[in-house]
N, C-alpha and C. Protein backbone atom coordinates (compact mmCIF):
# COMPACT_ATOMS: atom_id res chain seq x y z
N UNK A 1 8.72 5.40 5.62
CA UNK A 1 9.36 4.30 4.77
C UNK A 1 10.25 3.57 5.86
N UNK A 2 10.03 2.63 6.07
CA UNK A 2 11.16 1.26 6.98
C UNK A 2 11.91 1.06 6.95
N UNK A 3 11.95 0.93 5.24
CA UNK A 3 13.44 0.57 4.55
C UNK A 3 14.28 1.33 4.71
N UNK A 4 15.90 0.81 5.41
CA UNK A 4 16.63 1.66 5.05
C UNK A 4 17.50 1.91 3.56
N UNK A 5 17.17 1.14 2.68
CA UNK A 5 17.45 1.08 1.12
C UNK A 5 16.95 2.60 0.59
N UNK A 6 16.03 2.98 0.76
CA UNK A 6 15.38 3.86 0.47
C UNK A 6 15.92 5.49 0.22
N UNK A 7 16.90 5.97 -0.79
CA UNK A 7 17.88 6.92 -0.96
C UNK A 7 17.10 8.16 -0.45
N UNK A 8 15.70 8.61 -0.82
CA UNK A 8 15.56 10.38 -0.37
C UNK A 8 14.35 9.78 0.52
N UNK A 9 14.11 10.41 1.98
CA UNK A 9 13.05 9.50 2.77
C UNK A 9 12.78 10.24 3.66
N UNK A 10 11.84 11.66 3.09
CA UNK A 10 11.05 12.45 3.77
C UNK A 10 12.12 13.32 4.46
N UNK A 11 12.55 14.32 2.99
CA UNK A 11 13.76 15.09 4.13
C UNK A 11 12.66 16.45 3.90
N UNK A 12 12.46 16.18 2.99
CA UNK A 12 11.43 18.07 2.74
C UNK A 12 9.96 17.45 2.04
N UNK A 13 9.78 16.53 1.70
CA UNK A 13 8.45 16.26 1.00
C UNK A 13 8.37 14.72 1.46
N UNK A 14 7.02 14.37 1.47
CA UNK A 14 6.92 13.03 1.62
C UNK A 14 6.98 11.75 0.27
N UNK A 15 8.49 11.89 0.44
CA UNK A 15 8.67 10.98 -1.13
C UNK A 15 10.02 10.28 -1.06
N UNK A 16 9.91 8.94 -1.65
CA UNK A 16 11.19 8.31 -1.15
C UNK A 16 11.56 7.43 -2.75
N UNK A 17 12.32 7.46 -3.13
CA UNK A 17 13.02 6.42 -4.14
C UNK A 17 13.52 5.47 -3.52
N UNK A 18 13.66 4.47 -4.55
CA UNK A 18 14.19 2.76 -4.18
C UNK A 18 15.09 2.70 -5.67
N UNK A 19 16.11 2.18 -6.08
CA UNK A 19 16.91 1.51 -7.15
C UNK A 19 17.80 0.28 -6.99
N UNK A 20 16.77 -0.97 -7.11
CA UNK A 20 17.44 -2.33 -6.90
C UNK A 20 17.76 -2.57 -8.22
N UNK A 21 18.85 -3.48 -8.11
CA UNK A 21 19.55 -3.95 -9.17
C UNK A 21 20.19 -5.48 -8.66
N UNK A 22 19.99 -6.41 -9.43
CA UNK A 22 20.26 -7.78 -8.95
C UNK A 22 20.43 -8.39 -10.12
N UNK A 23 21.86 -8.80 -10.20
CA UNK A 23 22.86 -9.37 -11.07
C UNK A 23 22.11 -11.27 -11.04
N UNK A 24 22.71 -11.32 -9.87
CA UNK A 24 22.49 -13.15 -9.62
C UNK A 24 21.81 -13.16 -9.04
N UNK A 25 20.84 -14.81 -8.75
CA UNK A 25 20.31 -15.15 -7.98
C UNK A 25 18.63 -14.49 -7.57
N UNK A 26 18.40 -14.89 -6.65
CA UNK A 26 16.99 -14.03 -6.28
C UNK A 26 17.21 -13.20 -4.80
N UNK A 27 16.34 -11.84 -4.99
CA UNK A 27 15.96 -10.56 -4.64
C UNK A 27 15.34 -11.17 -4.11
N UNK A 28 14.95 -11.06 -2.64
CA UNK A 28 13.08 -10.66 -2.24
C UNK A 28 12.90 -9.25 -1.37
N UNK A 29 11.85 -9.02 -1.69
CA UNK A 29 11.32 -8.02 -0.45
C UNK A 29 10.03 -8.43 0.20
N UNK A 30 10.71 -8.01 1.15
CA UNK A 30 9.61 -9.14 2.16
C UNK A 30 7.92 -8.30 2.26
N UNK A 31 7.19 -9.06 2.81
CA UNK A 31 5.75 -8.43 2.76
C UNK A 31 5.82 -7.49 3.67
N UNK A 32 5.29 -6.45 3.28
CA UNK A 32 4.81 -5.20 3.85
C UNK A 32 3.54 -4.42 3.02
N UNK A 33 3.37 -3.07 3.98
CA UNK A 33 2.16 -2.12 3.62
C UNK A 33 2.82 -0.95 4.14
N UNK A 34 2.36 0.25 3.78
CA UNK A 34 2.38 1.48 4.22
C UNK A 34 1.12 2.20 3.62
N UNK A 35 1.39 3.85 4.11
CA UNK A 35 0.44 4.32 3.53
C UNK A 35 0.56 5.27 2.23
N UNK A 36 1.87 4.89 1.81
CA UNK A 36 1.94 5.89 0.40
C UNK A 36 1.75 5.41 -0.67
N UNK A 37 1.50 5.28 -1.91
CA UNK A 37 1.42 5.18 -2.97
C UNK A 37 2.99 4.19 -3.25
N UNK A 38 2.81 3.43 -4.03
CA UNK A 38 4.28 2.81 -4.80
C UNK A 38 4.27 2.75 -6.29
N UNK A 39 4.81 3.46 -6.69
CA UNK A 39 4.92 2.74 -8.32
C UNK A 39 6.39 2.10 -8.62
N UNK A 40 6.12 1.28 -9.48
CA UNK A 40 7.65 -0.06 -9.74
C UNK A 40 8.13 0.33 -11.37
N UNK A 41 8.84 0.67 -12.01
CA UNK A 41 8.92 0.71 -13.38
C UNK A 41 10.08 -0.56 -13.35
N UNK A 42 9.83 -1.21 -14.22
CA UNK A 42 11.03 -2.55 -14.38
C UNK A 42 11.88 -1.88 -15.44
N UNK A 43 13.21 -1.75 -14.82
CA UNK A 43 14.19 -1.56 -16.32
C UNK A 43 14.78 -2.42 -17.03
N UNK A 44 14.77 -3.83 -16.42
CA UNK A 44 15.37 -4.78 -16.94
C UNK A 44 15.23 -5.81 -16.42
N UNK A 45 14.77 -7.15 -17.02
CA UNK A 45 14.70 -8.45 -16.46
C UNK A 45 13.08 -8.62 -16.36
N UNK A 46 13.07 -9.68 -15.23
CA UNK A 46 11.84 -9.56 -14.46
C UNK A 46 11.44 -9.77 -12.87
N UNK A 47 10.31 -9.74 -12.58
CA UNK A 47 10.20 -10.25 -11.79
C UNK A 47 8.60 -10.53 -10.87
N UNK A 48 8.62 -10.70 -10.24
CA UNK A 48 6.94 -11.29 -9.97
C UNK A 48 6.98 -10.40 -8.25
N UNK A 49 5.64 -9.73 -8.44
CA UNK A 49 5.26 -9.16 -7.25
C UNK A 49 3.86 -9.51 -6.56
N UNK A 50 3.33 -9.87 -5.63
CA UNK A 50 2.01 -9.69 -4.96
C UNK A 50 1.76 -8.97 -4.52
N UNK A 51 0.78 -8.27 -4.94
CA UNK A 51 -0.39 -7.31 -4.49
C UNK A 51 -2.00 -7.94 -3.67
N UNK A 52 -1.67 -7.48 -2.49
CA UNK A 52 -3.06 -8.21 -2.11
C UNK A 52 -3.17 -10.05 -1.84
N UNK A 53 -1.78 -10.48 -2.29
CA UNK A 53 -2.37 -12.11 -2.23
C UNK A 53 -2.37 -12.17 -3.90
N UNK A 54 -2.52 -11.32 -4.71
CA UNK A 54 -2.60 -11.71 -6.39
C UNK A 54 -1.16 -11.21 -6.77
N UNK A 55 -0.89 -12.22 -7.99
CA UNK A 55 0.59 -12.44 -8.25
C UNK A 55 0.66 -11.35 -9.41
N UNK A 56 1.56 -10.72 -9.63
CA UNK A 56 1.94 -9.97 -10.57
C UNK A 56 3.22 -10.21 -11.96
N UNK A 57 3.41 -11.34 -12.59
CA UNK A 57 4.88 -11.34 -13.09
C UNK A 57 4.91 -10.01 -14.01
N UNK A 58 5.91 -9.40 -13.89
CA UNK A 58 6.36 -7.87 -14.19
C UNK A 58 7.81 -8.68 -15.02
N UNK A 59 7.77 -7.84 -16.49
CA UNK A 59 9.52 -7.70 -16.91
C UNK A 59 9.89 -6.17 -17.43
N UNK A 60 10.73 -6.27 -18.20
CA UNK A 60 11.14 -4.67 -18.43
C UNK A 60 9.79 -4.16 -19.26
N UNK A 61 9.87 -3.06 -18.94
CA UNK A 61 8.78 -2.06 -19.34
C UNK A 61 7.74 -1.66 -18.82
N UNK A 62 7.27 -3.06 -17.72
CA UNK A 62 5.91 -2.88 -17.19
C UNK A 62 6.28 -1.95 -16.38
N UNK A 63 5.28 -1.47 -15.80
CA UNK A 63 4.82 -0.41 -14.46
C UNK A 63 3.92 -1.00 -13.27
N UNK A 64 4.37 -1.21 -11.96
CA UNK A 64 3.19 -1.49 -11.04
C UNK A 64 2.90 -0.31 -10.26
N UNK A 65 1.82 -0.35 -10.00
CA UNK A 65 0.93 -0.17 -9.23
C UNK A 65 0.59 -0.55 -7.98
N UNK A 66 1.04 -0.02 -6.82
CA UNK A 66 0.72 -0.46 -5.36
C UNK A 66 -0.23 0.30 -4.47
N UNK A 67 -1.64 0.76 -4.73
CA UNK A 67 -2.44 1.26 -4.04
C UNK A 67 -2.01 1.77 -2.33
N UNK A 68 -2.36 2.53 -1.93
CA UNK A 68 -1.41 3.12 -0.38
C UNK A 68 -2.72 1.69 0.93
N UNK A 69 -1.42 1.07 1.98
CA UNK A 69 -2.34 -0.10 2.16
C UNK A 69 -2.71 -1.24 2.04
N UNK A 70 -1.89 -1.71 0.71
CA UNK A 70 -1.89 -2.78 0.37
C UNK A 70 -0.43 -3.70 0.37
N UNK A 71 -1.02 -4.96 1.06
CA UNK A 71 -0.09 -5.59 1.46
C UNK A 71 0.66 -6.20 0.59
N UNK A 72 2.30 -6.13 0.30
CA UNK A 72 2.55 -6.52 -0.82
C UNK A 72 4.20 -7.11 -0.82
N UNK A 73 4.91 -7.59 -1.66
CA UNK A 73 5.76 -8.50 -1.84
C UNK A 73 6.22 -8.45 -3.02
N UNK A 74 7.62 -9.13 -3.23
CA UNK A 74 8.42 -9.58 -4.24
C UNK A 74 9.73 -9.79 -4.42
N UNK A 75 9.70 -10.45 -5.26
CA UNK A 75 10.67 -11.15 -5.65
C UNK A 75 11.56 -10.94 -7.25
N UNK A 76 12.87 -11.15 -7.66
CA UNK A 76 13.48 -11.40 -8.76
C UNK A 76 13.12 -12.79 -9.39
N UNK A 77 13.03 -12.80 -10.84
CA UNK A 77 12.92 -14.04 -11.34
C UNK A 77 13.62 -14.52 -12.42
N UNK A 78 13.89 -15.87 -12.79
CA UNK A 78 14.90 -16.45 -13.71
C UNK A 78 16.15 -16.23 -14.11
N UNK A 79 17.09 -15.97 -12.47
CA UNK A 79 18.55 -15.65 -12.56
C UNK A 79 18.48 -15.07 -13.41
N UNK A 80 18.34 -13.77 -14.07
CA UNK A 80 18.57 -12.88 -14.99
C UNK A 80 18.98 -11.61 -14.09
N UNK A 81 19.49 -11.22 -14.91
CA UNK A 81 19.87 -9.69 -14.30
C UNK A 81 18.50 -8.37 -14.44
N UNK A 82 17.88 -8.05 -13.18
CA UNK A 82 16.66 -7.31 -12.78
C UNK A 82 16.72 -6.15 -12.12
N UNK A 83 16.64 -5.30 -12.49
CA UNK A 83 16.48 -3.37 -12.02
C UNK A 83 15.43 -3.36 -12.15
N UNK A 84 14.91 -2.54 -11.22
CA UNK A 84 13.39 -1.74 -11.25
C UNK A 84 13.68 -0.60 -10.14
N UNK A 85 12.90 0.55 -10.35
CA UNK A 85 13.29 1.91 -9.86
C UNK A 85 11.46 1.81 -9.30
N UNK A 86 11.69 2.20 -7.97
CA UNK A 86 10.46 2.39 -7.41
C UNK A 86 10.79 3.95 -6.36
N UNK A 87 9.24 4.65 -6.66
CA UNK A 87 8.70 5.62 -6.08
C UNK A 87 7.82 5.10 -4.80
N UNK A 88 7.59 5.89 -3.81
CA UNK A 88 6.87 6.01 -2.42
C UNK A 88 6.20 6.72 -2.69
N UNK A 89 5.17 7.62 -2.33
CA UNK A 89 5.18 9.30 -2.01
C UNK A 89 3.50 9.02 -1.15
N UNK A 90 3.18 10.26 -0.61
CA UNK A 90 2.09 10.62 0.10
C UNK A 90 1.12 10.96 -1.11
N UNK A 91 0.28 10.73 -1.20
CA UNK A 91 -0.94 11.23 -1.85
C UNK A 91 -1.40 12.68 -1.94
N UNK A 92 -0.85 12.90 -0.78
CA UNK A 92 -1.45 14.41 -0.56
C UNK A 92 -0.73 15.48 -1.61
N UNK A 93 0.52 15.10 -2.19
CA UNK A 93 1.32 15.86 -2.63
C UNK A 93 0.72 16.17 -3.97
N UNK A 94 -0.46 15.38 -5.19
CA UNK A 94 -1.22 15.90 -6.13
C UNK A 94 -1.96 16.38 -5.98
N UNK A 95 -2.51 16.97 -4.87
CA UNK A 95 -3.54 17.87 -4.26
C UNK A 95 -4.75 17.36 -4.89
N UNK A 96 -5.02 16.26 -5.23
CA UNK A 96 -6.69 15.87 -5.26
C UNK A 96 -7.35 14.83 -4.52
N UNK A 97 -7.98 15.53 -3.69
CA UNK A 97 -8.97 14.67 -2.80
C UNK A 97 -9.44 13.55 -2.63
N UNK A 98 -10.29 13.89 -4.04
CA UNK A 98 -10.91 12.87 -4.73
C UNK A 98 -9.88 11.48 -4.84
N UNK A 99 -8.89 11.26 -5.80
CA UNK A 99 -8.43 10.44 -6.24
C UNK A 99 -7.64 10.44 -5.31
N UNK A 100 -7.69 10.92 -3.93
CA UNK A 100 -6.50 10.12 -2.43
C UNK A 100 -7.41 9.70 -1.85
N UNK A 101 -8.44 10.09 -1.84
CA UNK A 101 -9.71 9.24 -0.63
C UNK A 101 -10.03 7.95 -1.45
N UNK A 102 -10.21 8.12 -2.90
CA UNK A 102 -10.58 6.94 -3.68
C UNK A 102 -9.47 5.96 -3.52
N UNK A 103 -8.26 5.85 -4.09
CA UNK A 103 -6.66 5.07 -3.87
C UNK A 103 -6.96 4.45 -2.27
N UNK A 104 -6.73 5.75 -1.08
CA UNK A 104 -6.36 4.84 -0.11
C UNK A 104 -7.74 4.02 0.47
N UNK A 105 -9.06 4.17 0.24
CA UNK A 105 -10.09 3.42 0.67
C UNK A 105 -10.21 1.97 -0.62
N UNK A 106 -9.64 2.92 -1.51
CA UNK A 106 -9.80 1.11 -2.47
C UNK A 106 -11.27 1.11 -3.12
N UNK A 107 -11.88 2.47 -2.84
CA UNK A 107 -12.86 2.54 -3.76
C UNK A 107 -12.57 2.79 -5.34
N UNK A 108 -11.60 2.98 -5.51
CA UNK A 108 -11.40 3.51 -7.61
C UNK A 108 -10.70 1.80 -7.40
N UNK A 109 -11.19 1.50 -8.63
CA UNK A 109 -10.43 0.42 -9.11
C UNK A 109 -9.15 1.09 -9.94
N UNK A 110 -7.87 0.04 -9.54
CA UNK A 110 -6.88 0.47 -10.26
C UNK A 110 -5.75 -0.53 -11.18
N UNK A 111 -5.51 -0.51 -12.09
CA UNK A 111 -4.96 -1.37 -12.45
C UNK A 111 -3.41 -1.44 -11.70
N UNK A 112 -3.31 -3.01 -11.51
CA UNK A 112 -2.37 -3.17 -10.92
C UNK A 112 -0.71 -2.99 -11.54
N UNK A 113 -0.80 -3.59 -12.80
CA UNK A 113 0.51 -3.87 -13.43
C UNK A 113 -0.58 -3.01 -15.03
N UNK A 114 0.67 -2.32 -15.44
CA UNK A 114 0.45 -2.15 -16.99
C UNK A 114 1.78 -2.70 -17.31
N UNK A 115 0.93 -3.43 -18.38
CA UNK A 115 1.84 -4.37 -19.32
C UNK A 115 2.94 -3.22 -20.15
N UNK A 116 4.34 -3.45 -20.50
CA UNK A 116 4.74 -2.79 -21.55
C UNK A 116 4.21 -2.73 -23.02
N UNK A 117 3.28 -3.30 -23.29
CA UNK A 117 2.64 -3.31 -24.55
C UNK A 117 1.50 -2.46 -24.69
N UNK A 118 1.05 -1.94 -23.44
CA UNK A 118 0.36 -0.59 -22.89
C UNK A 118 0.73 0.61 -24.26
N UNK A 119 -0.13 1.06 -24.61
CA UNK A 119 0.77 2.26 -25.23
C UNK A 119 1.13 3.43 -24.03
N UNK A 120 0.37 3.85 -22.89
CA UNK A 120 1.16 4.51 -21.89
C UNK A 120 1.80 3.89 -21.34
N UNK A 121 2.45 2.64 -21.17
CA UNK A 121 3.39 2.53 -20.17
C UNK A 121 5.08 3.40 -20.66
N UNK A 122 5.32 3.00 -21.70
CA UNK A 122 6.71 4.21 -21.90
C UNK A 122 6.20 5.29 -21.34
N UNK A 123 5.31 6.13 -21.44
CA UNK A 123 5.29 7.37 -20.82
C UNK A 123 5.27 7.49 -19.43
N UNK A 124 4.53 6.24 -19.05
CA UNK A 124 4.86 6.21 -17.41
C UNK A 124 6.48 6.26 -16.81
N UNK A 125 6.73 5.24 -17.46
CA UNK A 125 8.62 4.57 -17.00
C UNK A 125 9.06 6.12 -17.31
N UNK A 126 9.14 7.33 -18.54
CA UNK A 126 10.10 8.17 -18.43
C UNK A 126 9.49 9.07 -17.21
N UNK A 127 8.07 9.21 -16.44
CA UNK A 127 8.00 9.86 -15.86
C UNK A 127 8.69 9.58 -14.12
N UNK A 128 8.39 8.37 -13.98
CA UNK A 128 9.22 7.72 -13.34
C UNK A 128 10.64 7.97 -12.81
N UNK A 129 11.30 8.08 -14.22
CA UNK A 129 12.86 7.94 -14.31
C UNK A 129 12.94 9.55 -14.16
N UNK A 130 12.27 10.80 -14.58
CA UNK A 130 12.21 11.99 -14.54
C UNK A 130 12.63 12.29 -13.06
N UNK A 131 11.18 11.86 -12.21
CA UNK A 131 11.02 11.61 -10.75
C UNK A 131 12.23 11.34 -10.06
N UNK A 132 12.62 10.28 -10.53
CA UNK A 132 14.40 9.77 -9.79
C UNK A 132 15.55 10.37 -9.99
N UNK A 133 15.41 10.84 -11.24
CA UNK A 133 16.92 11.96 -11.15
C UNK A 133 16.31 13.15 -10.48
N UNK A 134 15.22 13.53 -10.65
CA UNK A 134 15.13 15.02 -9.36
C UNK A 134 15.61 14.35 -7.98
N UNK A 135 14.89 13.75 -7.77
CA UNK A 135 15.47 13.11 -6.45
C UNK A 135 17.57 12.99 -6.32
N UNK A 136 17.74 12.78 -7.52
CA UNK A 136 19.00 12.31 -7.19
C UNK A 136 20.13 13.09 -7.01
N UNK A 137 19.71 13.83 -7.87
CA UNK A 137 20.68 15.56 -7.87
C UNK A 137 20.39 16.46 -7.11
N UNK A 138 18.89 16.40 -6.79
CA UNK A 138 18.42 17.59 -5.46
C UNK A 138 18.95 18.83 -5.72
N UNK A 139 18.39 19.28 -7.61
CA UNK A 139 18.72 20.56 -7.76
C UNK A 139 18.28 21.53 -7.09
N UNK A 140 18.19 22.58 -6.94
CA UNK A 140 17.09 23.59 -6.86
C UNK A 140 15.94 23.29 -7.40
N UNK A 141 14.79 23.57 -6.20
CA UNK A 141 13.47 22.56 -7.12
C UNK A 141 13.08 21.55 -7.77
N UNK A 142 14.05 20.34 -7.05
CA UNK A 142 13.46 18.83 -7.08
C UNK A 142 12.45 18.36 -6.74
N UNK A 143 12.08 19.04 -5.45
CA UNK A 143 10.55 18.65 -5.13
C UNK A 143 10.01 18.96 -6.17
N UNK A 144 9.54 19.85 -6.78
CA UNK A 144 8.39 20.38 -7.73
C UNK A 144 9.16 19.65 -8.72
N UNK A 145 9.54 19.26 -8.95
CA UNK A 145 10.03 18.33 -10.61
C UNK A 145 9.41 16.89 -10.17
N UNK A 146 9.59 16.40 -8.81
CA UNK A 146 9.34 14.81 -8.79
C UNK A 146 7.75 15.38 -8.70
N UNK A 147 7.10 16.00 -7.83
CA UNK A 147 5.97 15.95 -8.12
C UNK A 147 5.03 16.27 -8.87
N UNK A 148 5.64 17.36 -10.01
CA UNK A 148 5.02 17.49 -11.21
C UNK A 148 5.52 16.20 -11.91
N UNK A 149 6.28 15.28 -12.12
CA UNK A 149 6.12 14.01 -12.95
C UNK A 149 5.32 13.38 -12.59
N UNK A 150 4.63 13.21 -11.26
CA UNK A 150 3.70 12.23 -10.74
C UNK A 150 2.71 12.86 -11.00
N UNK A 151 2.67 13.91 -11.02
CA UNK A 151 1.19 14.60 -11.47
C UNK A 151 0.87 13.93 -12.83
N UNK A 152 1.93 14.24 -13.89
CA UNK A 152 1.84 13.63 -15.33
C UNK A 152 1.28 12.50 -15.19
N UNK A 153 1.59 11.68 -14.83
CA UNK A 153 1.57 10.66 -14.65
C UNK A 153 0.75 10.09 -14.31
N UNK A 154 0.18 10.42 -12.94
CA UNK A 154 -1.51 10.16 -12.95
C UNK A 154 -2.74 10.77 -13.73
N UNK A 155 -1.83 12.13 -14.42
CA UNK A 155 -2.50 12.16 -15.30
C UNK A 155 -3.40 11.59 -16.68
N UNK A 156 -2.20 10.61 -17.01
CA UNK A 156 -2.12 9.70 -17.90
C UNK A 156 -3.17 8.85 -17.69
N UNK A 157 -3.00 8.65 -16.04
CA UNK A 157 -3.73 7.36 -15.53
C UNK A 157 -5.23 7.64 -15.61
N UNK A 158 -5.47 8.91 -15.11
CA UNK A 158 -6.70 9.16 -15.19
C UNK A 158 -7.57 9.13 -16.78
N UNK A 159 -6.70 9.39 -17.47
CA UNK A 159 -7.69 9.54 -18.80
C UNK A 159 -7.53 8.18 -19.22
N UNK A 160 -6.92 6.93 -18.83
CA UNK A 160 -6.88 5.58 -19.20
C UNK A 160 -7.63 4.73 -18.38
């Protein structure tokens, strides 16, 4: 990950986290892409994201999924306090070659925005939060905990 703001940057596994907090004004993330999948959980306020030129307005409780190599950018909106948690990781960590190949080649269709009204959104938020906490605490086995939560998250996505 090129962004210096990422707290965990591939020290032992290809997994990076970032927590954004914007109390006033507008915060923007420049247009970029990378080979990792990116998950964003909006924890407060609202923001808008563009994934391959399509606009996704997001609000508290929503989850965004940005496939590998997708051109994307974002910004906070409405001049309200906004926060979100972001995870980027290499899909090889999930040990599911068909999922990895399907998402990287964009052969699999994936919903980019999961609304907080979707029954599974709350559980996805929980798995993202647990992975972020594991990365922050760095207790013994944190890598397995982070990857395990992403495996559980993608289990829910595959079911739904």
